[in-house]
C-alpha atoms as a PDB file:
ATOM      1  CA  MET A   1      72.379   1.029 124.281  1.00  0.00           C
ATOM      2  CA  ARG A   2      69.035   2.409 124.173  1.00  0.00           C
ATOM      3  CA  LEU A   3      68.234   4.706 121.550  1.00  0.00           C
ATOM      4  CA  CYS A   4      67.833   2.943 118.082  1.00  0.00           C
ATOM      5  CA  LEU A   5      66.923  -0.797 117.429  1.00  0.00           C
ATOM      6  CA  SER A   6      66.098  -3.017 114.593  1.00  0.00           C
ATOM      7  CA  TRP A   7      63.451  -5.801 114.991  1.00  0.00           C
ATOM      8  CA  ASN A   8      63.443  -8.356 112.233  1.00  0.00           C
ATOM      9  CA  GLY A   9      65.163  -5.954 110.187  1.00  0.00           C
ATOM     10  CA  ASP A  10      62.608  -3.300 110.472  1.00  0.00           C
ATOM     11  CA  THR A  11      63.088   0.297 112.257  1.00  0.00           C
ATOM     12  CA  VAL A  12      61.753   0.028 115.832  1.00  0.00           C
ATOM     13  CA  THR A  13      59.710   2.872 117.289  1.00  0.00           C
ATOM     14  CA  ALA A  14      59.936   3.841 121.061  1.00  0.00           C
ATOM     15  CA  THR A  15      56.885   1.982 121.492  1.00  0.00           C
ATOM     16  CA  ASP A  16      58.088  -1.159 120.147  1.00  0.00           C
ATOM     17  CA  TYR A  17      61.279  -0.647 122.385  1.00  0.00           C
ATOM     18  CA  ASP A  18      58.816  -0.912 125.352  1.00  0.00           C
ATOM     19  CA  ASP A  19      57.846  -4.360 124.492  1.00  0.00           C
ATOM     20  CA  PHE A  20      61.134  -5.698 125.354  1.00  0.00           C
ATOM     21  CA  ALA A  21      62.490  -3.121 127.732  1.00  0.00           C
ATOM     22  CA  ALA A  22      61.770  -5.587 130.919  1.00  0.00           C
ATOM     23  CA  ALA A  23      64.047  -8.379 129.211  1.00  0.00           C
ATOM     24  CA  TYR A  24      66.788  -6.053 128.026  1.00  0.00           C
ATOM     25  CA  ALA A  25      66.990  -4.646 131.580  1.00  0.00           C
ATOM     26  CA  ALA A  26      67.054  -8.015 133.200  1.00  0.00           C
ATOM     27  CA  ALA A  27      69.763  -9.196 130.888  1.00  0.00           C
ATOM     28  CA  ASN A  28      71.854  -6.123 131.992  1.00  0.00           C
ATOM     29  CA  GLU A  29      71.428  -6.597 135.795  1.00  0.00           C
ATOM     30  CA  SER A  30      73.739  -9.528 136.076  1.00  0.00           C
ATOM     31  CA  GLY A  31      75.347  -9.783 132.594  1.00  0.00           C
ATOM     32  CA  LEU A  32      79.025  -9.517 131.996  1.00  0.00           C
ATOM     33  CA  PHE A  33      79.120  -6.626 129.434  1.00  0.00           C
ATOM     34  CA  ASN A  34      76.902  -4.177 131.486  1.00  0.00           C
ATOM     35  CA  ALA A  35      77.244  -5.370 135.285  1.00  0.00           C
ATOM     36  CA  TYR A  36      80.942  -6.171 135.129  1.00  0.00           C
ATOM     37  CA  TYR A  37      82.225  -4.173 132.585  1.00  0.00           C
ATOM     38  CA  ALA A  38      80.553  -0.980 131.041  1.00  0.00           C
ATOM     39  CA  THR A  39      79.228   0.274 134.265  1.00  0.00           C
ATOM     40  CA  PRO A  40      82.285  -0.201 136.679  1.00  0.00           C
ATOM     41  CA  ALA A  41      84.305   1.357 133.900  1.00  0.00           C
ATOM     42  CA  MET A  42      82.147   4.310 133.499  1.00  0.00           C
ATOM     43  CA  LEU A  43      82.279   4.791 137.377  1.00  0.00           C
ATOM     44  CA  SER A  44      86.172   4.480 137.477  1.00  0.00           C
ATOM     45  CA  LEU A  45      86.314   6.976 134.729  1.00  0.00           C
ATOM     46  CA  ALA A  46      83.990   9.221 136.568  1.00  0.00           C
ATOM     47  CA  GLY A  47      86.051   9.299 139.605  1.00  0.00           C
ATOM     48  CA  GLU A  48      84.892  11.697 142.566  1.00  0.00           C
ATOM     49  CA  VAL A  49      81.322  12.935 141.747  1.00  0.00           C
ATOM     50  CA  SER A  50      79.883  13.801 145.211  1.00  0.00           C
ATOM     51  CA  GLY A  51      78.219  17.081 144.785  1.00  0.00           C
ATOM     52  CA  ARG A  52      78.225  17.208 140.997  1.00  0.00           C
ATOM     53  CA  ARG A  53      75.098  17.318 138.950  1.00  0.00           C
ATOM     54  CA  ILE A  54      75.160  14.634 136.272  1.00  0.00           C
ATOM     55  CA  LEU A  55      73.079  13.824 133.370  1.00  0.00           C
ATOM     56  CA  ASP A  56      72.738  10.260 132.311  1.00  0.00           C
ATOM     57  CA  ALA A  57      71.874  10.222 128.727  1.00  0.00           C
ATOM     58  CA  GLY A  58      70.234   7.094 127.638  1.00  0.00           C
ATOM     59  CA  CYS A  59      69.726   5.902 131.257  1.00  0.00           C
ATOM     60  CA  GLY A  60      67.899   2.784 130.417  1.00  0.00           C
ATOM     61  CA  SER A  61      66.480   1.219 133.839  1.00  0.00           C
ATOM     62  CA  GLY A  62      68.896   3.461 135.935  1.00  0.00           C
ATOM     63  CA  PRO A  63      71.702   1.045 137.323  1.00  0.00           C
ATOM     64  CA  LEU A  64      74.391   3.823 136.418  1.00  0.00           C
ATOM     65  CA  SER A  65      72.163   6.716 137.495  1.00  0.00           C
ATOM     66  CA  ALA A  66      71.665   4.571 140.762  1.00  0.00           C
ATOM     67  CA  ALA A  67      75.485   4.199 141.389  1.00  0.00           C
ATOM     68  CA  LEU A  68      76.274   7.657 140.707  1.00  0.00           C
ATOM     69  CA  ARG A  69      73.517   8.631 143.188  1.00  0.00           C
ATOM     70  CA  ASP A  70      75.238   6.562 145.749  1.00  0.00           C
ATOM     71  CA  LYS A  71      78.431   8.069 145.291  1.00  0.00           C
ATOM     72  CA  GLY A  72      76.719  11.511 146.161  1.00  0.00           C
ATOM     73  CA  ALA A  73      75.834  12.805 142.726  1.00  0.00           C
ATOM     74  CA  ALA A  74      72.634  14.631 141.756  1.00  0.00           C
ATOM     75  CA  VAL A  75      71.645  12.766 138.721  1.00  0.00           C
ATOM     76  CA  THR A  76      69.030  13.577 136.164  1.00  0.00           C
ATOM     77  CA  GLY A  77      68.395  10.905 133.470  1.00  0.00           C
ATOM     78  CA  PHE A  78      66.614  10.586 130.210  1.00  0.00           C
ATOM     79  CA  ASP A  79      65.902   7.698 127.746  1.00  0.00           C
ATOM     80  CA  LEU A  80      63.867   7.444 124.626  1.00  0.00           C
ATOM     81  CA  SER A  81      61.804   4.608 125.802  1.00  0.00           C
ATOM     82  CA  ALA A  82      58.973   5.222 128.375  1.00  0.00           C
ATOM     83  CA  ALA A  83      59.197   1.796 129.580  1.00  0.00           C
ATOM     84  CA  MET A  84      62.966   2.075 130.411  1.00  0.00           C
ATOM     85  CA  VAL A  85      62.150   5.380 132.086  1.00  0.00           C
ATOM     86  CA  ALA A  86      59.231   3.583 134.283  1.00  0.00           C
ATOM     87  CA  LEU A  87      61.829   0.924 135.398  1.00  0.00           C
ATOM     88  CA  ALA A  88      64.413   3.554 136.119  1.00  0.00           C
ATOM     89  CA  ARG A  89      61.725   5.298 138.283  1.00  0.00           C
ATOM     90  CA  ARG A  90      61.110   1.959 139.945  1.00  0.00           C
ATOM     91  CA  ARG A  91      64.586   1.853 140.766  1.00  0.00           C
ATOM     92  CA  LEU A  92      65.248   5.274 141.840  1.00  0.00           C
ATOM     93  CA  GLY A  93      62.121   6.372 143.439  1.00  0.00           C
ATOM     94  CA  GLU A  94      58.942   8.459 142.370  1.00  0.00           C
ATOM     95  CA  ASP A  95      60.957  11.855 142.931  1.00  0.00           C
ATOM     96  CA  ALA A  96      63.680  10.911 140.671  1.00  0.00           C
ATOM     97  CA  ASP A  97      64.579  13.608 137.856  1.00  0.00           C
ATOM     98  CA  LEU A  98      63.858  11.385 134.928  1.00  0.00           C
ATOM     99  CA  HIS A  99      62.435  12.180 131.287  1.00  0.00           C
ATOM    100  CA  VAL A 100      61.423  10.646 128.150  1.00  0.00           C
ATOM    101  CA  ALA A 101      63.780  12.384 125.388  1.00  0.00           C
ATOM    102  CA  ASP A 102      65.369  11.967 122.253  1.00  0.00           C
ATOM    103  CA  LEU A 103      69.172  12.602 121.962  1.00  0.00           C
ATOM    104  CA  SER A 104      68.851  13.060 118.445  1.00  0.00           C
ATOM    105  CA  LYS A 105      66.915  15.889 119.049  1.00  0.00           C
ATOM    106  CA  PRO A 106      66.888  19.067 121.402  1.00  0.00           C
ATOM    107  CA  LEU A 107      66.971  18.343 124.845  1.00  0.00           C
ATOM    108  CA  PRO A 108      64.700  19.628 127.610  1.00  0.00           C
ATOM    109  CA  PHE A 109      67.716  21.057 129.592  1.00  0.00           C
ATOM    110  CA  ALA A 110      68.910  24.366 130.065  1.00  0.00           C
ATOM    111  CA  ASP A 111      72.375  25.548 128.773  1.00  0.00           C
ATOM    112  CA  ALA A 112      75.391  24.757 131.226  1.00  0.00           C
ATOM    113  CA  GLU A 113      73.072  22.928 133.568  1.00  0.00           C
ATOM    114  CA  PHE A 114      75.238  20.036 134.369  1.00  0.00           C
ATOM    115  CA  ASP A 115      78.811  19.076 135.541  1.00  0.00           C
ATOM    116  CA  ASP A 116      79.159  16.188 133.565  1.00  0.00           C
ATOM    117  CA  VAL A 117      77.343  14.018 131.340  1.00  0.00           C
ATOM    118  CA  VAL A 118      77.424  10.112 131.011  1.00  0.00           C
ATOM    119  CA  ALA A 119      76.346   8.174 127.901  1.00  0.00           C
ATOM    120  CA  SER A 120      76.912   4.487 128.498  1.00  0.00           C
ATOM    121  CA  LEU A 121      76.475   2.504 125.135  1.00  0.00           C
ATOM    122  CA  VAL A 122      74.169   5.227 123.602  1.00  0.00           C
ATOM    123  CA  LEU A 123      76.295   6.913 120.639  1.00  0.00           C
ATOM    124  CA  HIS A 124      76.683   3.624 118.459  1.00  0.00           C
ATOM    125  CA  TYR A 125      72.728   3.765 117.737  1.00  0.00           C
ATOM    126  CA  LEU A 126      73.014   6.862 115.953  1.00  0.00           C
ATOM    127  CA  GLU A 127      74.214   7.520 112.433  1.00  0.00           C
ATOM    128  CA  ASP A 128      74.904  11.125 113.108  1.00  0.00           C
ATOM    129  CA  TRP A 129      76.820  12.406 116.103  1.00  0.00           C
ATOM    130  CA  SER A 130      77.150  15.880 115.518  1.00  0.00           C
ATOM    131  CA  GLY A 131      73.709  17.041 116.697  1.00  0.00           C
ATOM    132  CA  PRO A 132      73.591  14.882 119.757  1.00  0.00           C
ATOM    133  CA  LEU A 133      77.358  15.762 120.867  1.00  0.00           C
ATOM    134  CA  ALA A 134      76.321  19.641 120.098  1.00  0.00           C
ATOM    135  CA  GLU A 135      73.577  19.033 122.642  1.00  0.00           C
ATOM    136  CA  LEU A 136      75.542  17.583 125.131  1.00  0.00           C
ATOM    137  CA  ARG A 137      78.060  20.295 124.965  1.00  0.00           C
ATOM    138  CA  ARG A 138      75.291  22.726 125.441  1.00  0.00           C
ATOM    139  CA  VAL A 139      74.196  21.447 128.516  1.00  0.00           C
ATOM    140  CA  LEU A 140      77.433  21.130 129.797  1.00  0.00           C
ATOM    141  CA  LYS A 141      79.160  23.816 132.304  1.00  0.00           C
ATOM    142  CA  PRO A 142      82.345  25.231 130.782  1.00  0.00           C
ATOM    143  CA  GLY A 143      85.169  22.608 131.330  1.00  0.00           C
ATOM    144  CA  GLY A 144      82.371  19.908 131.807  1.00  0.00           C
ATOM    145  CA  ARG A 145      82.914  16.278 130.959  1.00  0.00           C
ATOM    146  CA  VAL A 146      81.334  13.687 128.997  1.00  0.00           C
ATOM    147  CA  ILE A 147      82.042  10.240 129.851  1.00  0.00           C
ATOM    148  CA  LEU A 148      80.958   7.676 127.267  1.00  0.00           C
ATOM    149  CA  SER A 149      81.241   4.151 126.195  1.00  0.00           C
ATOM    150  CA  THR A 150      80.620   2.741 122.732  1.00  0.00           C
ATOM    151  CA  MET A 151      81.268  -0.317 120.504  1.00  0.00           C
ATOM    152  CA  HIS A 152      84.896  -0.811 119.857  1.00  0.00           C
ATOM    153  CA  PRO A 153      85.548  -0.355 116.333  1.00  0.00           C
ATOM    154  CA  THR A 154      88.325  -2.806 116.041  1.00  0.00           C
ATOM    155  CA  GLY A 155      85.936  -5.282 117.371  1.00  0.00           C
ATOM    156  CA  TYR A 156      83.821  -4.698 114.349  1.00  0.00           C
ATOM    157  CA  ALA A 157      86.529  -5.080 111.847  1.00  0.00           C
ATOM    158  CA  MET A 158      87.274  -8.571 113.675  1.00  0.00           C
ATOM    159  CA  GLU A 159      83.946  -9.832 113.576  1.00  0.00           C
ATOM    160  CA  TYR A 160      83.473  -8.549 109.880  1.00  0.00           C
ATOM    161  CA  PRO A 161      87.028  -8.659 108.254  1.00  0.00           C
ATOM    162  CA  GLU A 162      85.288  -8.396 104.745  1.00  0.00           C
ATOM    163  CA  ALA A 163      83.709  -5.169 105.670  1.00  0.00           C
ATOM    164  CA  ASP A 164      85.166  -1.629 105.015  1.00  0.00           C
ATOM    165  CA  TYR A 165      86.436  -0.601 108.645  1.00  0.00           C
ATOM    166  CA  PHE A 166      86.903   3.018 107.360  1.00  0.00           C
ATOM    167  CA  ALA A 167      83.302   3.580 106.396  1.00  0.00           C
ATOM    168  CA  VAL A 168      80.428   4.330 108.794  1.00  0.00           C
ATOM    169  CA  THR A 169      78.390   1.416 108.471  1.00  0.00           C
ATOM    170  CA  LYS A 170      74.996   0.135 109.521  1.00  0.00           C
ATOM    171  CA  TYR A 171      74.722  -3.352 110.890  1.00  0.00           C
ATOM    172  CA  THR A 172      72.305  -5.451 112.929  1.00  0.00           C
ATOM    173  CA  GLU A 173      72.945  -8.438 115.201  1.00  0.00           C
ATOM    174  CA  ASP A 174      70.574 -10.525 117.367  1.00  0.00           C
ATOM    175  CA  TYR A 175      71.017 -11.037 121.237  1.00  0.00           C
ATOM    176  CA  ILE A 176      69.482 -13.383 123.579  1.00  0.00           C
ATOM    177  CA  MET A 177      68.172 -11.510 126.541  1.00  0.00           C
ATOM    178  CA  ASP A 178      66.283 -12.872 129.371  1.00  0.00           C
ATOM    179  CA  GLY A 179      65.241 -15.654 127.011  1.00  0.00           C
ATOM    180  CA  GLN A 180      64.226 -13.233 124.325  1.00  0.00           C
ATOM    181  CA  THR A 181      65.704 -12.677 120.839  1.00  0.00           C
ATOM    182  CA  VAL A 182      66.322  -9.022 120.274  1.00  0.00           C
ATOM    183  CA  TRP A 183      67.693  -7.522 117.073  1.00  0.00           C
ATOM    184  CA  LEU A 184      70.059  -4.438 117.644  1.00  0.00           C
ATOM    185  CA  THR A 185      70.885  -2.015 114.842  1.00  0.00           C
ATOM    186  CA  MET A 186      73.954  -0.070 115.341  1.00  0.00           C
ATOM    187  CA  TRP A 187      76.422   1.852 113.586  1.00  0.00           C
ATOM    188  CA  HIS A 188      80.274   1.167 113.275  1.00  0.00           C
ATOM    189  CA  ARG A 189      82.293   4.183 113.237  1.00  0.00           C
ATOM    190  CA  PRO A 190      86.341   4.110 112.651  1.00  0.00           C
ATOM    191  CA  LEU A 191      88.276   5.735 115.494  1.00  0.00           C
ATOM    192  CA  HIS A 192      89.131   8.837 113.175  1.00  0.00           C
ATOM    193  CA  ALA A 193      85.471   9.373 112.458  1.00  0.00           C
ATOM    194  CA  MET A 194      85.013   9.369 116.564  1.00  0.00           C
ATOM    195  CA  SER A 195      87.558  11.680 117.161  1.00  0.00           C
ATOM    196  CA  ASP A 196      86.731  14.183 114.410  1.00  0.00           C
ATOM    197  CA  ALA A 197      83.168  14.194 115.740  1.00  0.00           C
ATOM    198  CA  PHE A 198      84.259  15.052 119.403  1.00  0.00           C
ATOM    199  CA  ALA A 199      86.631  17.762 117.929  1.00  0.00           C
ATOM    200  CA  ALA A 200      83.885  19.395 115.686  1.00  0.00           C
ATOM    201  CA  ALA A 201      81.570  19.503 118.686  1.00  0.00           C
ATOM    202  CA  GLY A 202      84.147  21.313 120.890  1.00  0.00           C
ATOM    203  CA  PHE A 203      85.648  18.543 123.098  1.00  0.00           C
ATOM    204  CA  ARG A 204      89.003  17.457 123.609  1.00  0.00           C
ATOM    205  CA  ILE A 205      89.840  13.860 124.571  1.00  0.00           C
ATOM    206  CA  VAL A 206      91.224  13.569 127.947  1.00  0.00           C
ATOM    207  CA  THR A 207      91.105   9.921 128.335  1.00  0.00           C
ATOM    208  CA  ILE A 208      90.719   6.793 126.112  1.00  0.00           C
ATOM    209  CA  SER A 209      90.154   3.476 127.897  1.00  0.00           C
ATOM    210  CA  GLU A 210      90.175  -0.179 127.148  1.00  0.00           C
ATOM    211  CA  PRO A 211      89.800  -1.550 130.635  1.00  0.00           C
ATOM    212  CA  PRO A 212      89.579  -5.119 131.965  1.00  0.00           C
ATOM    213  CA  PRO A 213      86.358  -6.222 133.588  1.00  0.00           C
ATOM    214  CA  ALA A 214      85.810  -5.713 137.150  1.00  0.00           C
ATOM    215  CA  PRO A 215      88.021  -7.774 139.586  1.00  0.00           C
ATOM    216  CA  ASN A 216      84.854  -9.382 141.044  1.00  0.00           C
ATOM    217  CA  THR A 217      83.584 -10.845 137.694  1.00  0.00           C
ATOM    218  CA  PRO A 218      82.352 -14.425 138.248  1.00  0.00           C
ATOM    219  CA  ALA A 219      84.893 -16.593 136.246  1.00  0.00           C
ATOM    220  CA  GLU A 220      82.044 -18.404 134.535  1.00  0.00           C
ATOM    221  CA  LEU A 221      80.854 -15.306 132.700  1.00  0.00           C
ATOM    222  CA  LEU A 222      84.385 -14.636 131.110  1.00  0.00           C
ATOM    223  CA  PRO A 223      85.074 -15.911 127.715  1.00  0.00           C
ATOM    224  CA  PRO A 224      86.662 -19.448 127.925  1.00  0.00           C
ATOM    225  CA  ASP A 225      89.649 -18.407 125.737  1.00  0.00           C
ATOM    226  CA  LYS A 226      90.534 -15.125 127.501  1.00  0.00           C
ATOM    227  CA  GLY A 227      92.639 -16.431 130.108  1.00  0.00           C
ATOM    228  CA  SER A 228      94.121 -12.679 131.186  1.00  0.00           C
ATOM    229  CA  GLY A 229      90.301 -11.640 131.552  1.00  0.00           C
ATOM    230  CA  ARG A 230      90.635  -8.828 128.787  1.00  0.00           C
ATOM    231  CA  PHE A 231      88.428  -9.060 125.832  1.00  0.00           C
ATOM    232  CA  MET A 232      87.732  -6.649 122.846  1.00  0.00           C
ATOM    233  CA  CYS A 233      84.259  -5.162 123.404  1.00  0.00           C
ATOM    234  CA  PHE A 234      83.653  -1.364 124.186  1.00  0.00           C
ATOM    235  CA  LEU A 235      85.838   1.814 123.994  1.00  0.00           C
ATOM    236  CA  PHE A 236      85.500   4.418 126.885  1.00  0.00           C
ATOM    237  CA  PHE A 237      86.250   8.276 126.450  1.00  0.00           C
ATOM    238  CA  VAL A 238      86.277  10.988 128.776  1.00  0.00           C
ATOM    239  CA  LEU A 239      85.796  14.331 126.884  1.00  0.00           C
ATOM    240  CA  GLU A 240      86.274  17.823 128.115  1.00  0.00           C
ATOM    241  CA  SER A 241      84.454  20.858 126.954  1.00  0.00           C
ATOM    242  CA  ALA A 242      86.804  23.289 125.328  1.00  0.00           C
END
């Protein structure tokens, strides 16, 4: 959700991202896909976290970090965007353990420092998962968990039926966020490529989840043709370091 974007088809730097960080964060505060879907699902998968040290990888403006902290976790967060980190610090307080860092590079944390890592809507902005997953495993304690969400690969196949589902493919889509048009560049990855990447990094899949939106989701936010409330959007995993 935060690491690699495209603006009018060109690659965006962290500084460029800062230009629309506020609009991006504002859209996520009350929107269906984050406030009522991704964040509640991540919290449900995390379960009881009181006393656990958790790294929020790609923390954005900090809503997931705040929710985990409210449940008793000791949370460290990082994001590529300095503007996002500033918004997170405003939310979490000046003493919050927040960093500007790039998941595609070595992270500024010690080996085996965290009980869990949460990575909400982050990995689909990266072409290569091997280095990032290796870093997440390095900073986890033995038996630690990665709880993550990513774009559902079947959703890509439904949206782009002419595309090759089995190929790792770069694509760009535009979104309206707080009245501003933002172009996001993402990487489609088929399910088998995801599981292969997890295994190569030393993780085993504990859970695969396709949850419904939160029970308190306002009806007007749900797609009108989804009477059951379910829709194809993100895919959630719980991984355990081997």
